[in-house]
Amino acid sequence: MDYRQLIQNMTPEVYRSLKRSVELGKWPDGRALTREQRQEAMQAIIAWGELHLPEHERVGYIDKGHKEGDSCDAPAETPLKWQ
């Protein structure tokens, strides 16, 4: 089985377990992830997400949104009105 097949056949449960392990820095049994294990797990998480998740749910997604008419157009300062 090659890497792509492995990623395609990975279950959502395995994906969540890998993601949680990377977040915590340890496996579910409590053993610490090595630097190499963390890198490999992160690559698998990203690859699985590319195949199975919508763009906005993927690891590292940044919503650029629309600038026009958004809070980006609001003035930086709002003057105070004293009564």
PDB file of N, CA and C in Angstrom:
ATOM      1  N   MET A   1       0.848  -1.170   0.000  1.00  0.00           N
ATOM      2  CA  MET A   1       0.000   0.000   0.000  1.00  0.00           C
ATOM      3  C   MET A   1       0.900   1.242   0.000  1.00  0.00           C
ATOM      4  N   ASP A   2       0.646   2.152  -0.927  1.00  0.00           N
ATOM      5  CA  ASP A   2       1.446   3.370  -0.965  1.00  0.00           C
ATOM      6  C   ASP A   2       0.836   4.444  -0.057  1.00  0.00           C
ATOM      7  N   TYR A   3       1.538   5.558   0.072  1.00  0.00           N
ATOM      8  CA  TYR A   3       1.130   6.616   0.999  1.00  0.00           C
ATOM      9  C   TYR A   3      -0.247   7.162   0.656  1.00  0.00           C
ATOM     10  N   ARG A   4      -0.514   7.410  -0.619  1.00  0.00           N
ATOM     11  CA  ARG A   4      -1.810   7.976  -1.035  1.00  0.00           C
ATOM     12  C   ARG A   4      -2.958   7.033  -0.671  1.00  0.00           C
ATOM     13  N   GLN A   5      -2.771   5.734  -0.893  1.00  0.00           N
ATOM     14  CA  GLN A   5      -3.804   4.756  -0.532  1.00  0.00           C
ATOM     15  C   GLN A   5      -4.013   4.736   0.982  1.00  0.00           C
ATOM     16  N   LEU A   6      -2.919   4.835   1.707  1.00  0.00           N
ATOM     17  CA  LEU A   6      -3.007   4.848   3.166  1.00  0.00           C
ATOM     18  C   LEU A   6      -3.843   6.041   3.641  1.00  0.00           C
ATOM     19  N   ILE A   7      -3.599   7.208   3.062  1.00  0.00           N
ATOM     20  CA  ILE A   7      -4.353   8.412   3.429  1.00  0.00           C
ATOM     21  C   ILE A   7      -5.817   8.271   3.023  1.00  0.00           C
ATOM     22  N   GLN A   8      -6.074   7.751   1.834  1.00  0.00           N
ATOM     23  CA  GLN A   8      -7.449   7.581   1.359  1.00  0.00           C
ATOM     24  C   GLN A   8      -8.240   6.631   2.249  1.00  0.00           C
ATOM     25  N   ASN A   9      -7.580   5.606   2.771  1.00  0.00           N
ATOM     26  CA  ASN A   9      -8.253   4.593   3.580  1.00  0.00           C
ATOM     27  C   ASN A   9      -8.290   4.928   5.074  1.00  0.00           C
ATOM     28  N   MET A  10      -7.649   6.011   5.460  1.00  0.00           N
ATOM     29  CA  MET A  10      -7.631   6.396   6.869  1.00  0.00           C
ATOM     30  C   MET A  10      -9.039   6.823   7.295  1.00  0.00           C
ATOM     31  N   THR A  11      -9.476   6.353   8.438  1.00  0.00           N
ATOM     32  CA  THR A  11     -10.827   6.664   8.923  1.00  0.00           C
ATOM     33  C   THR A  11     -10.842   8.032   9.605  1.00  0.00           C
ATOM     34  N   PRO A  12     -12.015   8.633   9.717  1.00  0.00           N
ATOM     35  CA  PRO A  12     -12.114   9.902  10.451  1.00  0.00           C
ATOM     36  C   PRO A  12     -11.647   9.774  11.908  1.00  0.00           C
ATOM     37  N   GLU A  13     -11.846   8.609  12.508  1.00  0.00           N
ATOM     38  CA  GLU A  13     -11.405   8.400  13.890  1.00  0.00           C
ATOM     39  C   GLU A  13      -9.884   8.464  13.990  1.00  0.00           C
ATOM     40  N   VAL A  14      -9.195   7.847  13.032  1.00  0.00           N
ATOM     41  CA  VAL A  14      -7.731   7.885  13.025  1.00  0.00           C
ATOM     42  C   VAL A  14      -7.260   9.320  12.793  1.00  0.00           C
ATOM     43  N   TYR A  15      -7.921  10.019  11.874  1.00  0.00           N
ATOM     44  CA  TYR A  15      -7.596  11.429  11.608  1.00  0.00           C
ATOM     45  C   TYR A  15      -7.708  12.250  12.893  1.00  0.00           C
ATOM     46  N   ARG A  16      -8.820  12.107  13.601  1.00  0.00           N
ATOM     47  CA  ARG A  16      -9.025  12.866  14.839  1.00  0.00           C
ATOM     48  C   ARG A  16      -7.986  12.497  15.904  1.00  0.00           C
ATOM     49  N   SER A  17      -7.645  11.218  15.969  1.00  0.00           N
ATOM     50  CA  SER A  17      -6.652  10.770  16.939  1.00  0.00           C
ATOM     51  C   SER A  17      -5.274  11.359  16.618  1.00  0.00           C
ATOM     52  N   LEU A  18      -4.901  11.345  15.343  1.00  0.00           N
ATOM     53  CA  LEU A  18      -3.619  11.934  14.939  1.00  0.00           C
ATOM     54  C   LEU A  18      -3.597  13.435  15.224  1.00  0.00           C
ATOM     55  N   LYS A  19      -4.684  14.097  14.892  1.00  0.00           N
ATOM     56  CA  LYS A  19      -4.768  15.541  15.107  1.00  0.00           C
ATOM     57  C   LYS A  19      -4.640  15.874  16.590  1.00  0.00           C
ATOM     58  N   ARG A  20      -5.327  15.126  17.417  1.00  0.00           N
ATOM     59  CA  ARG A  20      -5.269  15.344  18.867  1.00  0.00           C
ATOM     60  C   ARG A  20      -3.864  15.060  19.404  1.00  0.00           C
ATOM     61  N   SER A  21      -3.223  14.023  18.882  1.00  0.00           N
ATOM     62  CA  SER A  21      -1.865  13.687  19.312  1.00  0.00           C
ATOM     63  C   SER A  21      -0.889  14.807  18.976  1.00  0.00           C
ATOM     64  N   VAL A  22      -1.032  15.385  17.795  1.00  0.00           N
ATOM     65  CA  VAL A  22      -0.166  16.501  17.410  1.00  0.00           C
ATOM     66  C   VAL A  22      -0.440  17.709  18.304  1.00  0.00           C
ATOM     67  N   GLU A  23      -1.707  17.974  18.583  1.00  0.00           N
ATOM     68  CA  GLU A  23      -2.067  19.111  19.448  1.00  0.00           C
ATOM     69  C   GLU A  23      -1.455  18.974  20.841  1.00  0.00           C
ATOM     70  N   LEU A  24      -1.511  17.762  21.391  1.00  0.00           N
ATOM     71  CA  LEU A  24      -1.036  17.531  22.758  1.00  0.00           C
ATOM     72  C   LEU A  24       0.444  17.186  22.841  1.00  0.00           C
ATOM     73  N   GLY A  25       1.013  16.705  21.717  1.00  0.00           N
ATOM     74  CA  GLY A  25       2.412  16.305  21.721  1.00  0.00           C
ATOM     75  C   GLY A  25       2.642  14.926  22.299  1.00  0.00           C
ATOM     76  N   LYS A  26       1.557  14.140  22.404  1.00  0.00           N
ATOM     77  CA  LYS A  26       1.705  12.778  22.923  1.00  0.00           C
ATOM     78  C   LYS A  26       0.638  11.876  22.315  1.00  0.00           C
ATOM     79  N   TRP A  27       0.949  10.589  22.283  1.00  0.00           N
ATOM     80  CA  TRP A  27       0.017   9.589  21.770  1.00  0.00           C
ATOM     81  C   TRP A  27      -1.079   9.345  22.794  1.00  0.00           C
ATOM     82  N   PRO A  28      -2.183   8.725  22.379  1.00  0.00           N
ATOM     83  CA  PRO A  28      -3.269   8.441  23.335  1.00  0.00           C
ATOM     84  C   PRO A  28      -2.815   7.636  24.557  1.00  0.00           C
ATOM     85  N   ASP A  29      -1.744   6.830  24.405  1.00  0.00           N
ATOM     86  CA  ASP A  29      -1.259   6.046  25.551  1.00  0.00           C
ATOM     87  C   ASP A  29      -0.316   6.845  26.455  1.00  0.00           C
ATOM     88  N   GLY A  30      -0.081   8.124  26.110  1.00  0.00           N
ATOM     89  CA  GLY A  30       0.727   8.983  26.967  1.00  0.00           C
ATOM     90  C   GLY A  30       2.174   9.157  26.549  1.00  0.00           C
ATOM     91  N   ARG A  31       2.660   8.332  25.614  1.00  0.00           N
ATOM     92  CA  ARG A  31       4.048   8.474  25.163  1.00  0.00           C
ATOM     93  C   ARG A  31       4.199   9.745  24.332  1.00  0.00           C
ATOM     94  N   ALA A  32       5.314  10.435  24.499  1.00  0.00           N
ATOM     95  CA  ALA A  32       5.567  11.680  23.763  1.00  0.00           C
ATOM     96  C   ALA A  32       5.865  11.386  22.295  1.00  0.00           C
ATOM     97  N   LEU A  33       5.397  12.285  21.418  1.00  0.00           N
ATOM     98  CA  LEU A  33       5.717  12.183  19.996  1.00  0.00           C
ATOM     99  C   LEU A  33       7.142  12.674  19.780  1.00  0.00           C
ATOM    100  N   THR A  34       7.867  11.979  18.925  1.00  0.00           N
ATOM    101  CA  THR A  34       9.180  12.471  18.534  1.00  0.00           C
ATOM    102  C   THR A  34       8.976  13.549  17.477  1.00  0.00           C
ATOM    103  N   ARG A  35      10.020  14.291  17.195  1.00  0.00           N
ATOM    104  CA  ARG A  35       9.940  15.331  16.160  1.00  0.00           C
ATOM    105  C   ARG A  35       9.523  14.714  14.821  1.00  0.00           C
ATOM    106  N   GLU A  36      10.100  13.567  14.488  1.00  0.00           N
ATOM    107  CA  GLU A  36       9.775  12.894  13.222  1.00  0.00           C
ATOM    108  C   GLU A  36       8.316  12.428  13.204  1.00  0.00           C
ATOM    109  N   GLN A  37       7.846  11.865  14.303  1.00  0.00           N
ATOM    110  CA  GLN A  37       6.454  11.420  14.378  1.00  0.00           C
ATOM    111  C   GLN A  37       5.492  12.594  14.235  1.00  0.00           C
ATOM    112  N   ARG A  38       5.824  13.707  14.852  1.00  0.00           N
ATOM    113  CA  ARG A  38       4.979  14.903  14.752  1.00  0.00           C
ATOM    114  C   ARG A  38       4.914  15.380  13.300  1.00  0.00           C
ATOM    115  N   GLN A  39       6.045  15.410  12.618  1.00  0.00           N
ATOM    116  CA  GLN A  39       6.077  15.851  11.220  1.00  0.00           C
ATOM    117  C   GLN A  39       5.261  14.920  10.329  1.00  0.00           C
ATOM    118  N   GLU A  40       5.443  13.615  10.508  1.00  0.00           N
ATOM    119  CA  GLU A  40       4.708  12.644   9.693  1.00  0.00           C
ATOM    120  C   GLU A  40       3.206  12.723   9.963  1.00  0.00           C
ATOM    121  N   ALA A  41       2.838  12.865  11.230  1.00  0.00           N
ATOM    122  CA  ALA A  41       1.418  12.964  11.579  1.00  0.00           C
ATOM    123  C   ALA A  41       0.809  14.236  10.999  1.00  0.00           C
ATOM    124  N   MET A  42       1.537  15.343  11.056  1.00  0.00           N
ATOM    125  CA  MET A  42       1.030  16.594  10.493  1.00  0.00           C
ATOM    126  C   MET A  42       0.830  16.478   8.982  1.00  0.00           C
ATOM    127  N   GLN A  43       1.755  15.833   8.306  1.00  0.00           N
ATOM    128  CA  GLN A  43       1.610  15.641   6.862  1.00  0.00           C
ATOM    129  C   GLN A  43       0.392  14.784   6.554  1.00  0.00           C
ATOM    130  N   ALA A  44       0.170  13.749   7.341  1.00  0.00           N
ATOM    131  CA  ALA A  44      -0.991  12.878   7.131  1.00  0.00           C
ATOM    132  C   ALA A  44      -2.294  13.631   7.401  1.00  0.00           C
ATOM    133  N   ILE A  45      -2.312  14.462   8.430  1.00  0.00           N
ATOM    134  CA  ILE A  45      -3.502  15.257   8.760  1.00  0.00           C
ATOM    135  C   ILE A  45      -3.844  16.201   7.614  1.00  0.00           C
ATOM    136  N   ILE A  46      -2.842  16.875   7.098  1.00  0.00           N
ATOM    137  CA  ILE A  46      -3.063  17.816   5.994  1.00  0.00           C
ATOM    138  C   ILE A  46      -3.519  17.079   4.744  1.00  0.00           C
ATOM    139  N   ALA A  47      -2.860  15.962   4.418  1.00  0.00           N
ATOM    140  CA  ALA A  47      -3.218  15.193   3.219  1.00  0.00           C
ATOM    141  C   ALA A  47      -4.636  14.639   3.323  1.00  0.00           C
ATOM    142  N   TRP A  48      -5.009  14.114   4.483  1.00  0.00           N
ATOM    143  CA  TRP A  48      -6.363  13.570   4.663  1.00  0.00           C
ATOM    144  C   TRP A  48      -7.399  14.678   4.533  1.00  0.00           C
ATOM    145  N   GLY A  49      -7.116  15.817   5.118  1.00  0.00           N
ATOM    146  CA  GLY A  49      -8.033  16.948   5.033  1.00  0.00           C
ATOM    147  C   GLY A  49      -8.240  17.415   3.605  1.00  0.00           C
ATOM    148  N   GLU A  50      -7.189  17.421   2.809  1.00  0.00           N
ATOM    149  CA  GLU A  50      -7.299  17.820   1.405  1.00  0.00           C
ATOM    150  C   GLU A  50      -8.252  16.903   0.646  1.00  0.00           C
ATOM    151  N   LEU A  51      -8.266  15.631   1.005  1.00  0.00           N
ATOM    152  CA  LEU A  51      -9.108  14.653   0.303  1.00  0.00           C
ATOM    153  C   LEU A  51     -10.533  14.586   0.838  1.00  0.00           C
ATOM    154  N   HIS A  52     -10.718  14.833   2.120  1.00  0.00           N
ATOM    155  CA  HIS A  52     -12.005  14.533   2.741  1.00  0.00           C
ATOM    156  C   HIS A  52     -12.768  15.710   3.349  1.00  0.00           C
ATOM    157  N   LEU A  53     -12.144  16.850   3.507  1.00  0.00           N
ATOM    158  CA  LEU A  53     -12.807  17.962   4.186  1.00  0.00           C
ATOM    159  C   LEU A  53     -13.052  19.132   3.241  1.00  0.00           C
ATOM    160  N   PRO A  54     -14.128  19.877   3.462  1.00  0.00           N
ATOM    161  CA  PRO A  54     -14.311  21.111   2.691  1.00  0.00           C
ATOM    162  C   PRO A  54     -13.210  22.104   3.080  1.00  0.00           C
ATOM    163  N   GLU A  55     -12.918  23.009   2.196  1.00  0.00           N
ATOM    164  CA  GLU A  55     -11.792  23.927   2.386  1.00  0.00           C
ATOM    165  C   GLU A  55     -11.824  24.642   3.733  1.00  0.00           C
ATOM    166  N   HIS A  56     -12.983  25.116   4.156  1.00  0.00           N
ATOM    167  CA  HIS A  56     -13.059  25.901   5.390  1.00  0.00           C
ATOM    168  C   HIS A  56     -12.846  25.073   6.660  1.00  0.00           C
ATOM    169  N   GLU A  57     -12.823  23.740   6.560  1.00  0.00           N
ATOM    170  CA  GLU A  57     -12.599  22.884   7.733  1.00  0.00           C
ATOM    171  C   GLU A  57     -11.180  22.324   7.790  1.00  0.00           C
ATOM    172  N   ARG A  58     -10.368  22.608   6.793  1.00  0.00           N
ATOM    173  CA  ARG A  58      -9.017  22.045   6.732  1.00  0.00           C
ATOM    174  C   ARG A  58      -8.067  22.742   7.699  1.00  0.00           C
ATOM    175  N   VAL A  59      -7.031  21.997   8.078  1.00  0.00           N
ATOM    176  CA  VAL A  59      -5.990  22.539   8.941  1.00  0.00           C
ATOM    177  C   VAL A  59      -5.299  23.688   8.210  1.00  0.00           C
ATOM    178  N   GLY A  60      -5.144  24.805   8.894  1.00  0.00           N
ATOM    179  CA  GLY A  60      -4.433  25.940   8.323  1.00  0.00           C
ATOM    180  C   GLY A  60      -5.272  26.869   7.472  1.00  0.00           C
ATOM    181  N   TYR A  61      -6.579  26.605   7.363  1.00  0.00           N
ATOM    182  CA  TYR A  61      -7.440  27.447   6.535  1.00  0.00           C
ATOM    183  C   TYR A  61      -7.554  28.846   7.138  1.00  0.00           C
ATOM    184  N   ILE A  62      -7.423  29.847   6.280  1.00  0.00           N
ATOM    185  CA  ILE A  62      -7.597  31.236   6.695  1.00  0.00           C
ATOM    186  C   ILE A  62      -8.704  31.829   5.845  1.00  0.00           C
ATOM    187  N   ASP A  63      -9.754  32.284   6.495  1.00  0.00           N
ATOM    188  CA  ASP A  63     -10.874  32.890   5.787  1.00  0.00           C
ATOM    189  C   ASP A  63     -10.516  34.333   5.471  1.00  0.00           C
ATOM    190  N   LYS A  64     -10.324  34.608   4.194  1.00  0.00           N
ATOM    191  CA  LYS A  64      -9.946  35.960   3.789  1.00  0.00           C
ATOM    192  C   LYS A  64     -11.159  36.864   3.666  1.00  0.00           C
ATOM    193  N   GLY A  65     -12.338  36.276   3.519  1.00  0.00           N
ATOM    194  CA  GLY A  65     -13.576  37.044   3.500  1.00  0.00           C
ATOM    195  C   GLY A  65     -13.589  38.140   2.454  1.00  0.00           C
ATOM    196  N   HIS A  66     -14.506  39.063   2.623  1.00  0.00           N
ATOM    197  CA  HIS A  66     -14.624  40.210   1.731  1.00  0.00           C
ATOM    198  C   HIS A  66     -14.217  41.452   2.493  1.00  0.00           C
ATOM    199  N   LYS A  67     -13.352  42.238   1.912  1.00  0.00           N
ATOM    200  CA  LYS A  67     -12.906  43.460   2.575  1.00  0.00           C
ATOM    201  C   LYS A  67     -13.914  44.586   2.405  1.00  0.00           C
ATOM    202  N   GLU A  68     -14.493  44.702   1.235  1.00  0.00           N
ATOM    203  CA  GLU A  68     -15.401  45.805   0.959  1.00  0.00           C
ATOM    204  C   GLU A  68     -16.665  45.689   1.803  1.00  0.00           C
ATOM    205  N   GLY A  69     -16.977  46.736   2.525  1.00  0.00           N
ATOM    206  CA  GLY A  69     -18.176  46.740   3.346  1.00  0.00           C
ATOM    207  C   GLY A  69     -18.027  46.000   4.660  1.00  0.00           C
ATOM    208  N   ASP A  70     -16.859  45.474   4.920  1.00  0.00           N
ATOM    209  CA  ASP A  70     -16.608  44.743   6.156  1.00  0.00           C
ATOM    210  C   ASP A  70     -16.012  45.680   7.196  1.00  0.00           C
ATOM    211  N   SER A  71     -15.620  45.149   8.303  1.00  0.00           N
ATOM    212  CA  SER A  71     -15.049  45.969   9.370  1.00  0.00           C
ATOM    213  C   SER A  71     -13.742  46.627   8.939  1.00  0.00           C
ATOM    214  N   CYS A  72     -13.124  46.113   7.877  1.00  0.00           N
ATOM    215  CA  CYS A  72     -11.891  46.722   7.385  1.00  0.00           C
ATOM    216  C   CYS A  72     -12.146  48.135   6.872  1.00  0.00           C
ATOM    217  N   ASP A  73     -13.372  48.426   6.431  1.00  0.00           N
ATOM    218  CA  ASP A  73     -13.702  49.742   5.913  1.00  0.00           C
ATOM    219  C   ASP A  73     -14.120  50.714   7.009  1.00  0.00           C
ATOM    220  N   ALA A  74     -14.320  50.222   8.211  1.00  0.00           N
ATOM    221  CA  ALA A  74     -14.751  51.085   9.310  1.00  0.00           C
ATOM    222  C   ALA A  74     -13.604  52.016   9.695  1.00  0.00           C
ATOM    223  N   PRO A  75     -13.913  53.247  10.081  1.00  0.00           N
ATOM    224  CA  PRO A  75     -12.838  54.157  10.493  1.00  0.00           C
ATOM    225  C   PRO A  75     -12.119  53.603  11.721  1.00  0.00           C
ATOM    226  N   ALA A  76     -10.839  53.902  11.804  1.00  0.00           N
ATOM    227  CA  ALA A  76     -10.025  53.385  12.904  1.00  0.00           C
ATOM    228  C   ALA A  76     -10.445  53.988  14.242  1.00  0.00           C
ATOM    229  N   GLU A  77     -10.861  55.261  14.221  1.00  0.00           N
ATOM    230  CA  GLU A  77     -11.253  55.927  15.458  1.00  0.00           C
ATOM    231  C   GLU A  77     -12.674  56.465  15.324  1.00  0.00           C
ATOM    232  N   THR A  78     -13.419  56.393  16.399  1.00  0.00           N
ATOM    233  CA  THR A  78     -14.760  56.957  16.437  1.00  0.00           C
ATOM    234  C   THR A  78     -14.737  58.106  17.441  1.00  0.00           C
ATOM    235  N   PRO A  79     -15.007  59.335  16.982  1.00  0.00           N
ATOM    236  CA  PRO A  79     -14.949  60.467  17.912  1.00  0.00           C
ATOM    237  C   PRO A  79     -16.046  60.378  18.976  1.00  0.00           C
ATOM    238  N   LEU A  80     -15.719  60.818  20.171  1.00  0.00           N
ATOM    239  CA  LEU A  80     -16.688  60.860  21.262  1.00  0.00           C
ATOM    240  C   LEU A  80     -17.536  62.116  21.138  1.00  0.00           C
ATOM    241  N   LYS A  81     -18.795  62.013  21.461  1.00  0.00           N
ATOM    242  CA  LYS A  81     -19.691  63.169  21.446  1.00  0.00           C
ATOM    243  C   LYS A  81     -20.097  63.456  22.882  1.00  0.00           C
ATOM    244  N   TRP A  82     -19.674  64.620  23.388  1.00  0.00           N
ATOM    245  CA  TRP A  82     -19.993  65.022  24.749  1.00  0.00           C
ATOM    246  C   TRP A  82     -21.307  65.774  24.760  1.00  0.00           C
ATOM    247  N   GLN A  83     -22.130  65.523  25.725  1.00  0.00           N
ATOM    248  CA  GLN A  83     -23.421  66.204  25.823  1.00  0.00           C
ATOM    249  C   GLN A  83     -23.462  67.091  27.022  1.00  0.00           C
TER     250      GLN A  83
END
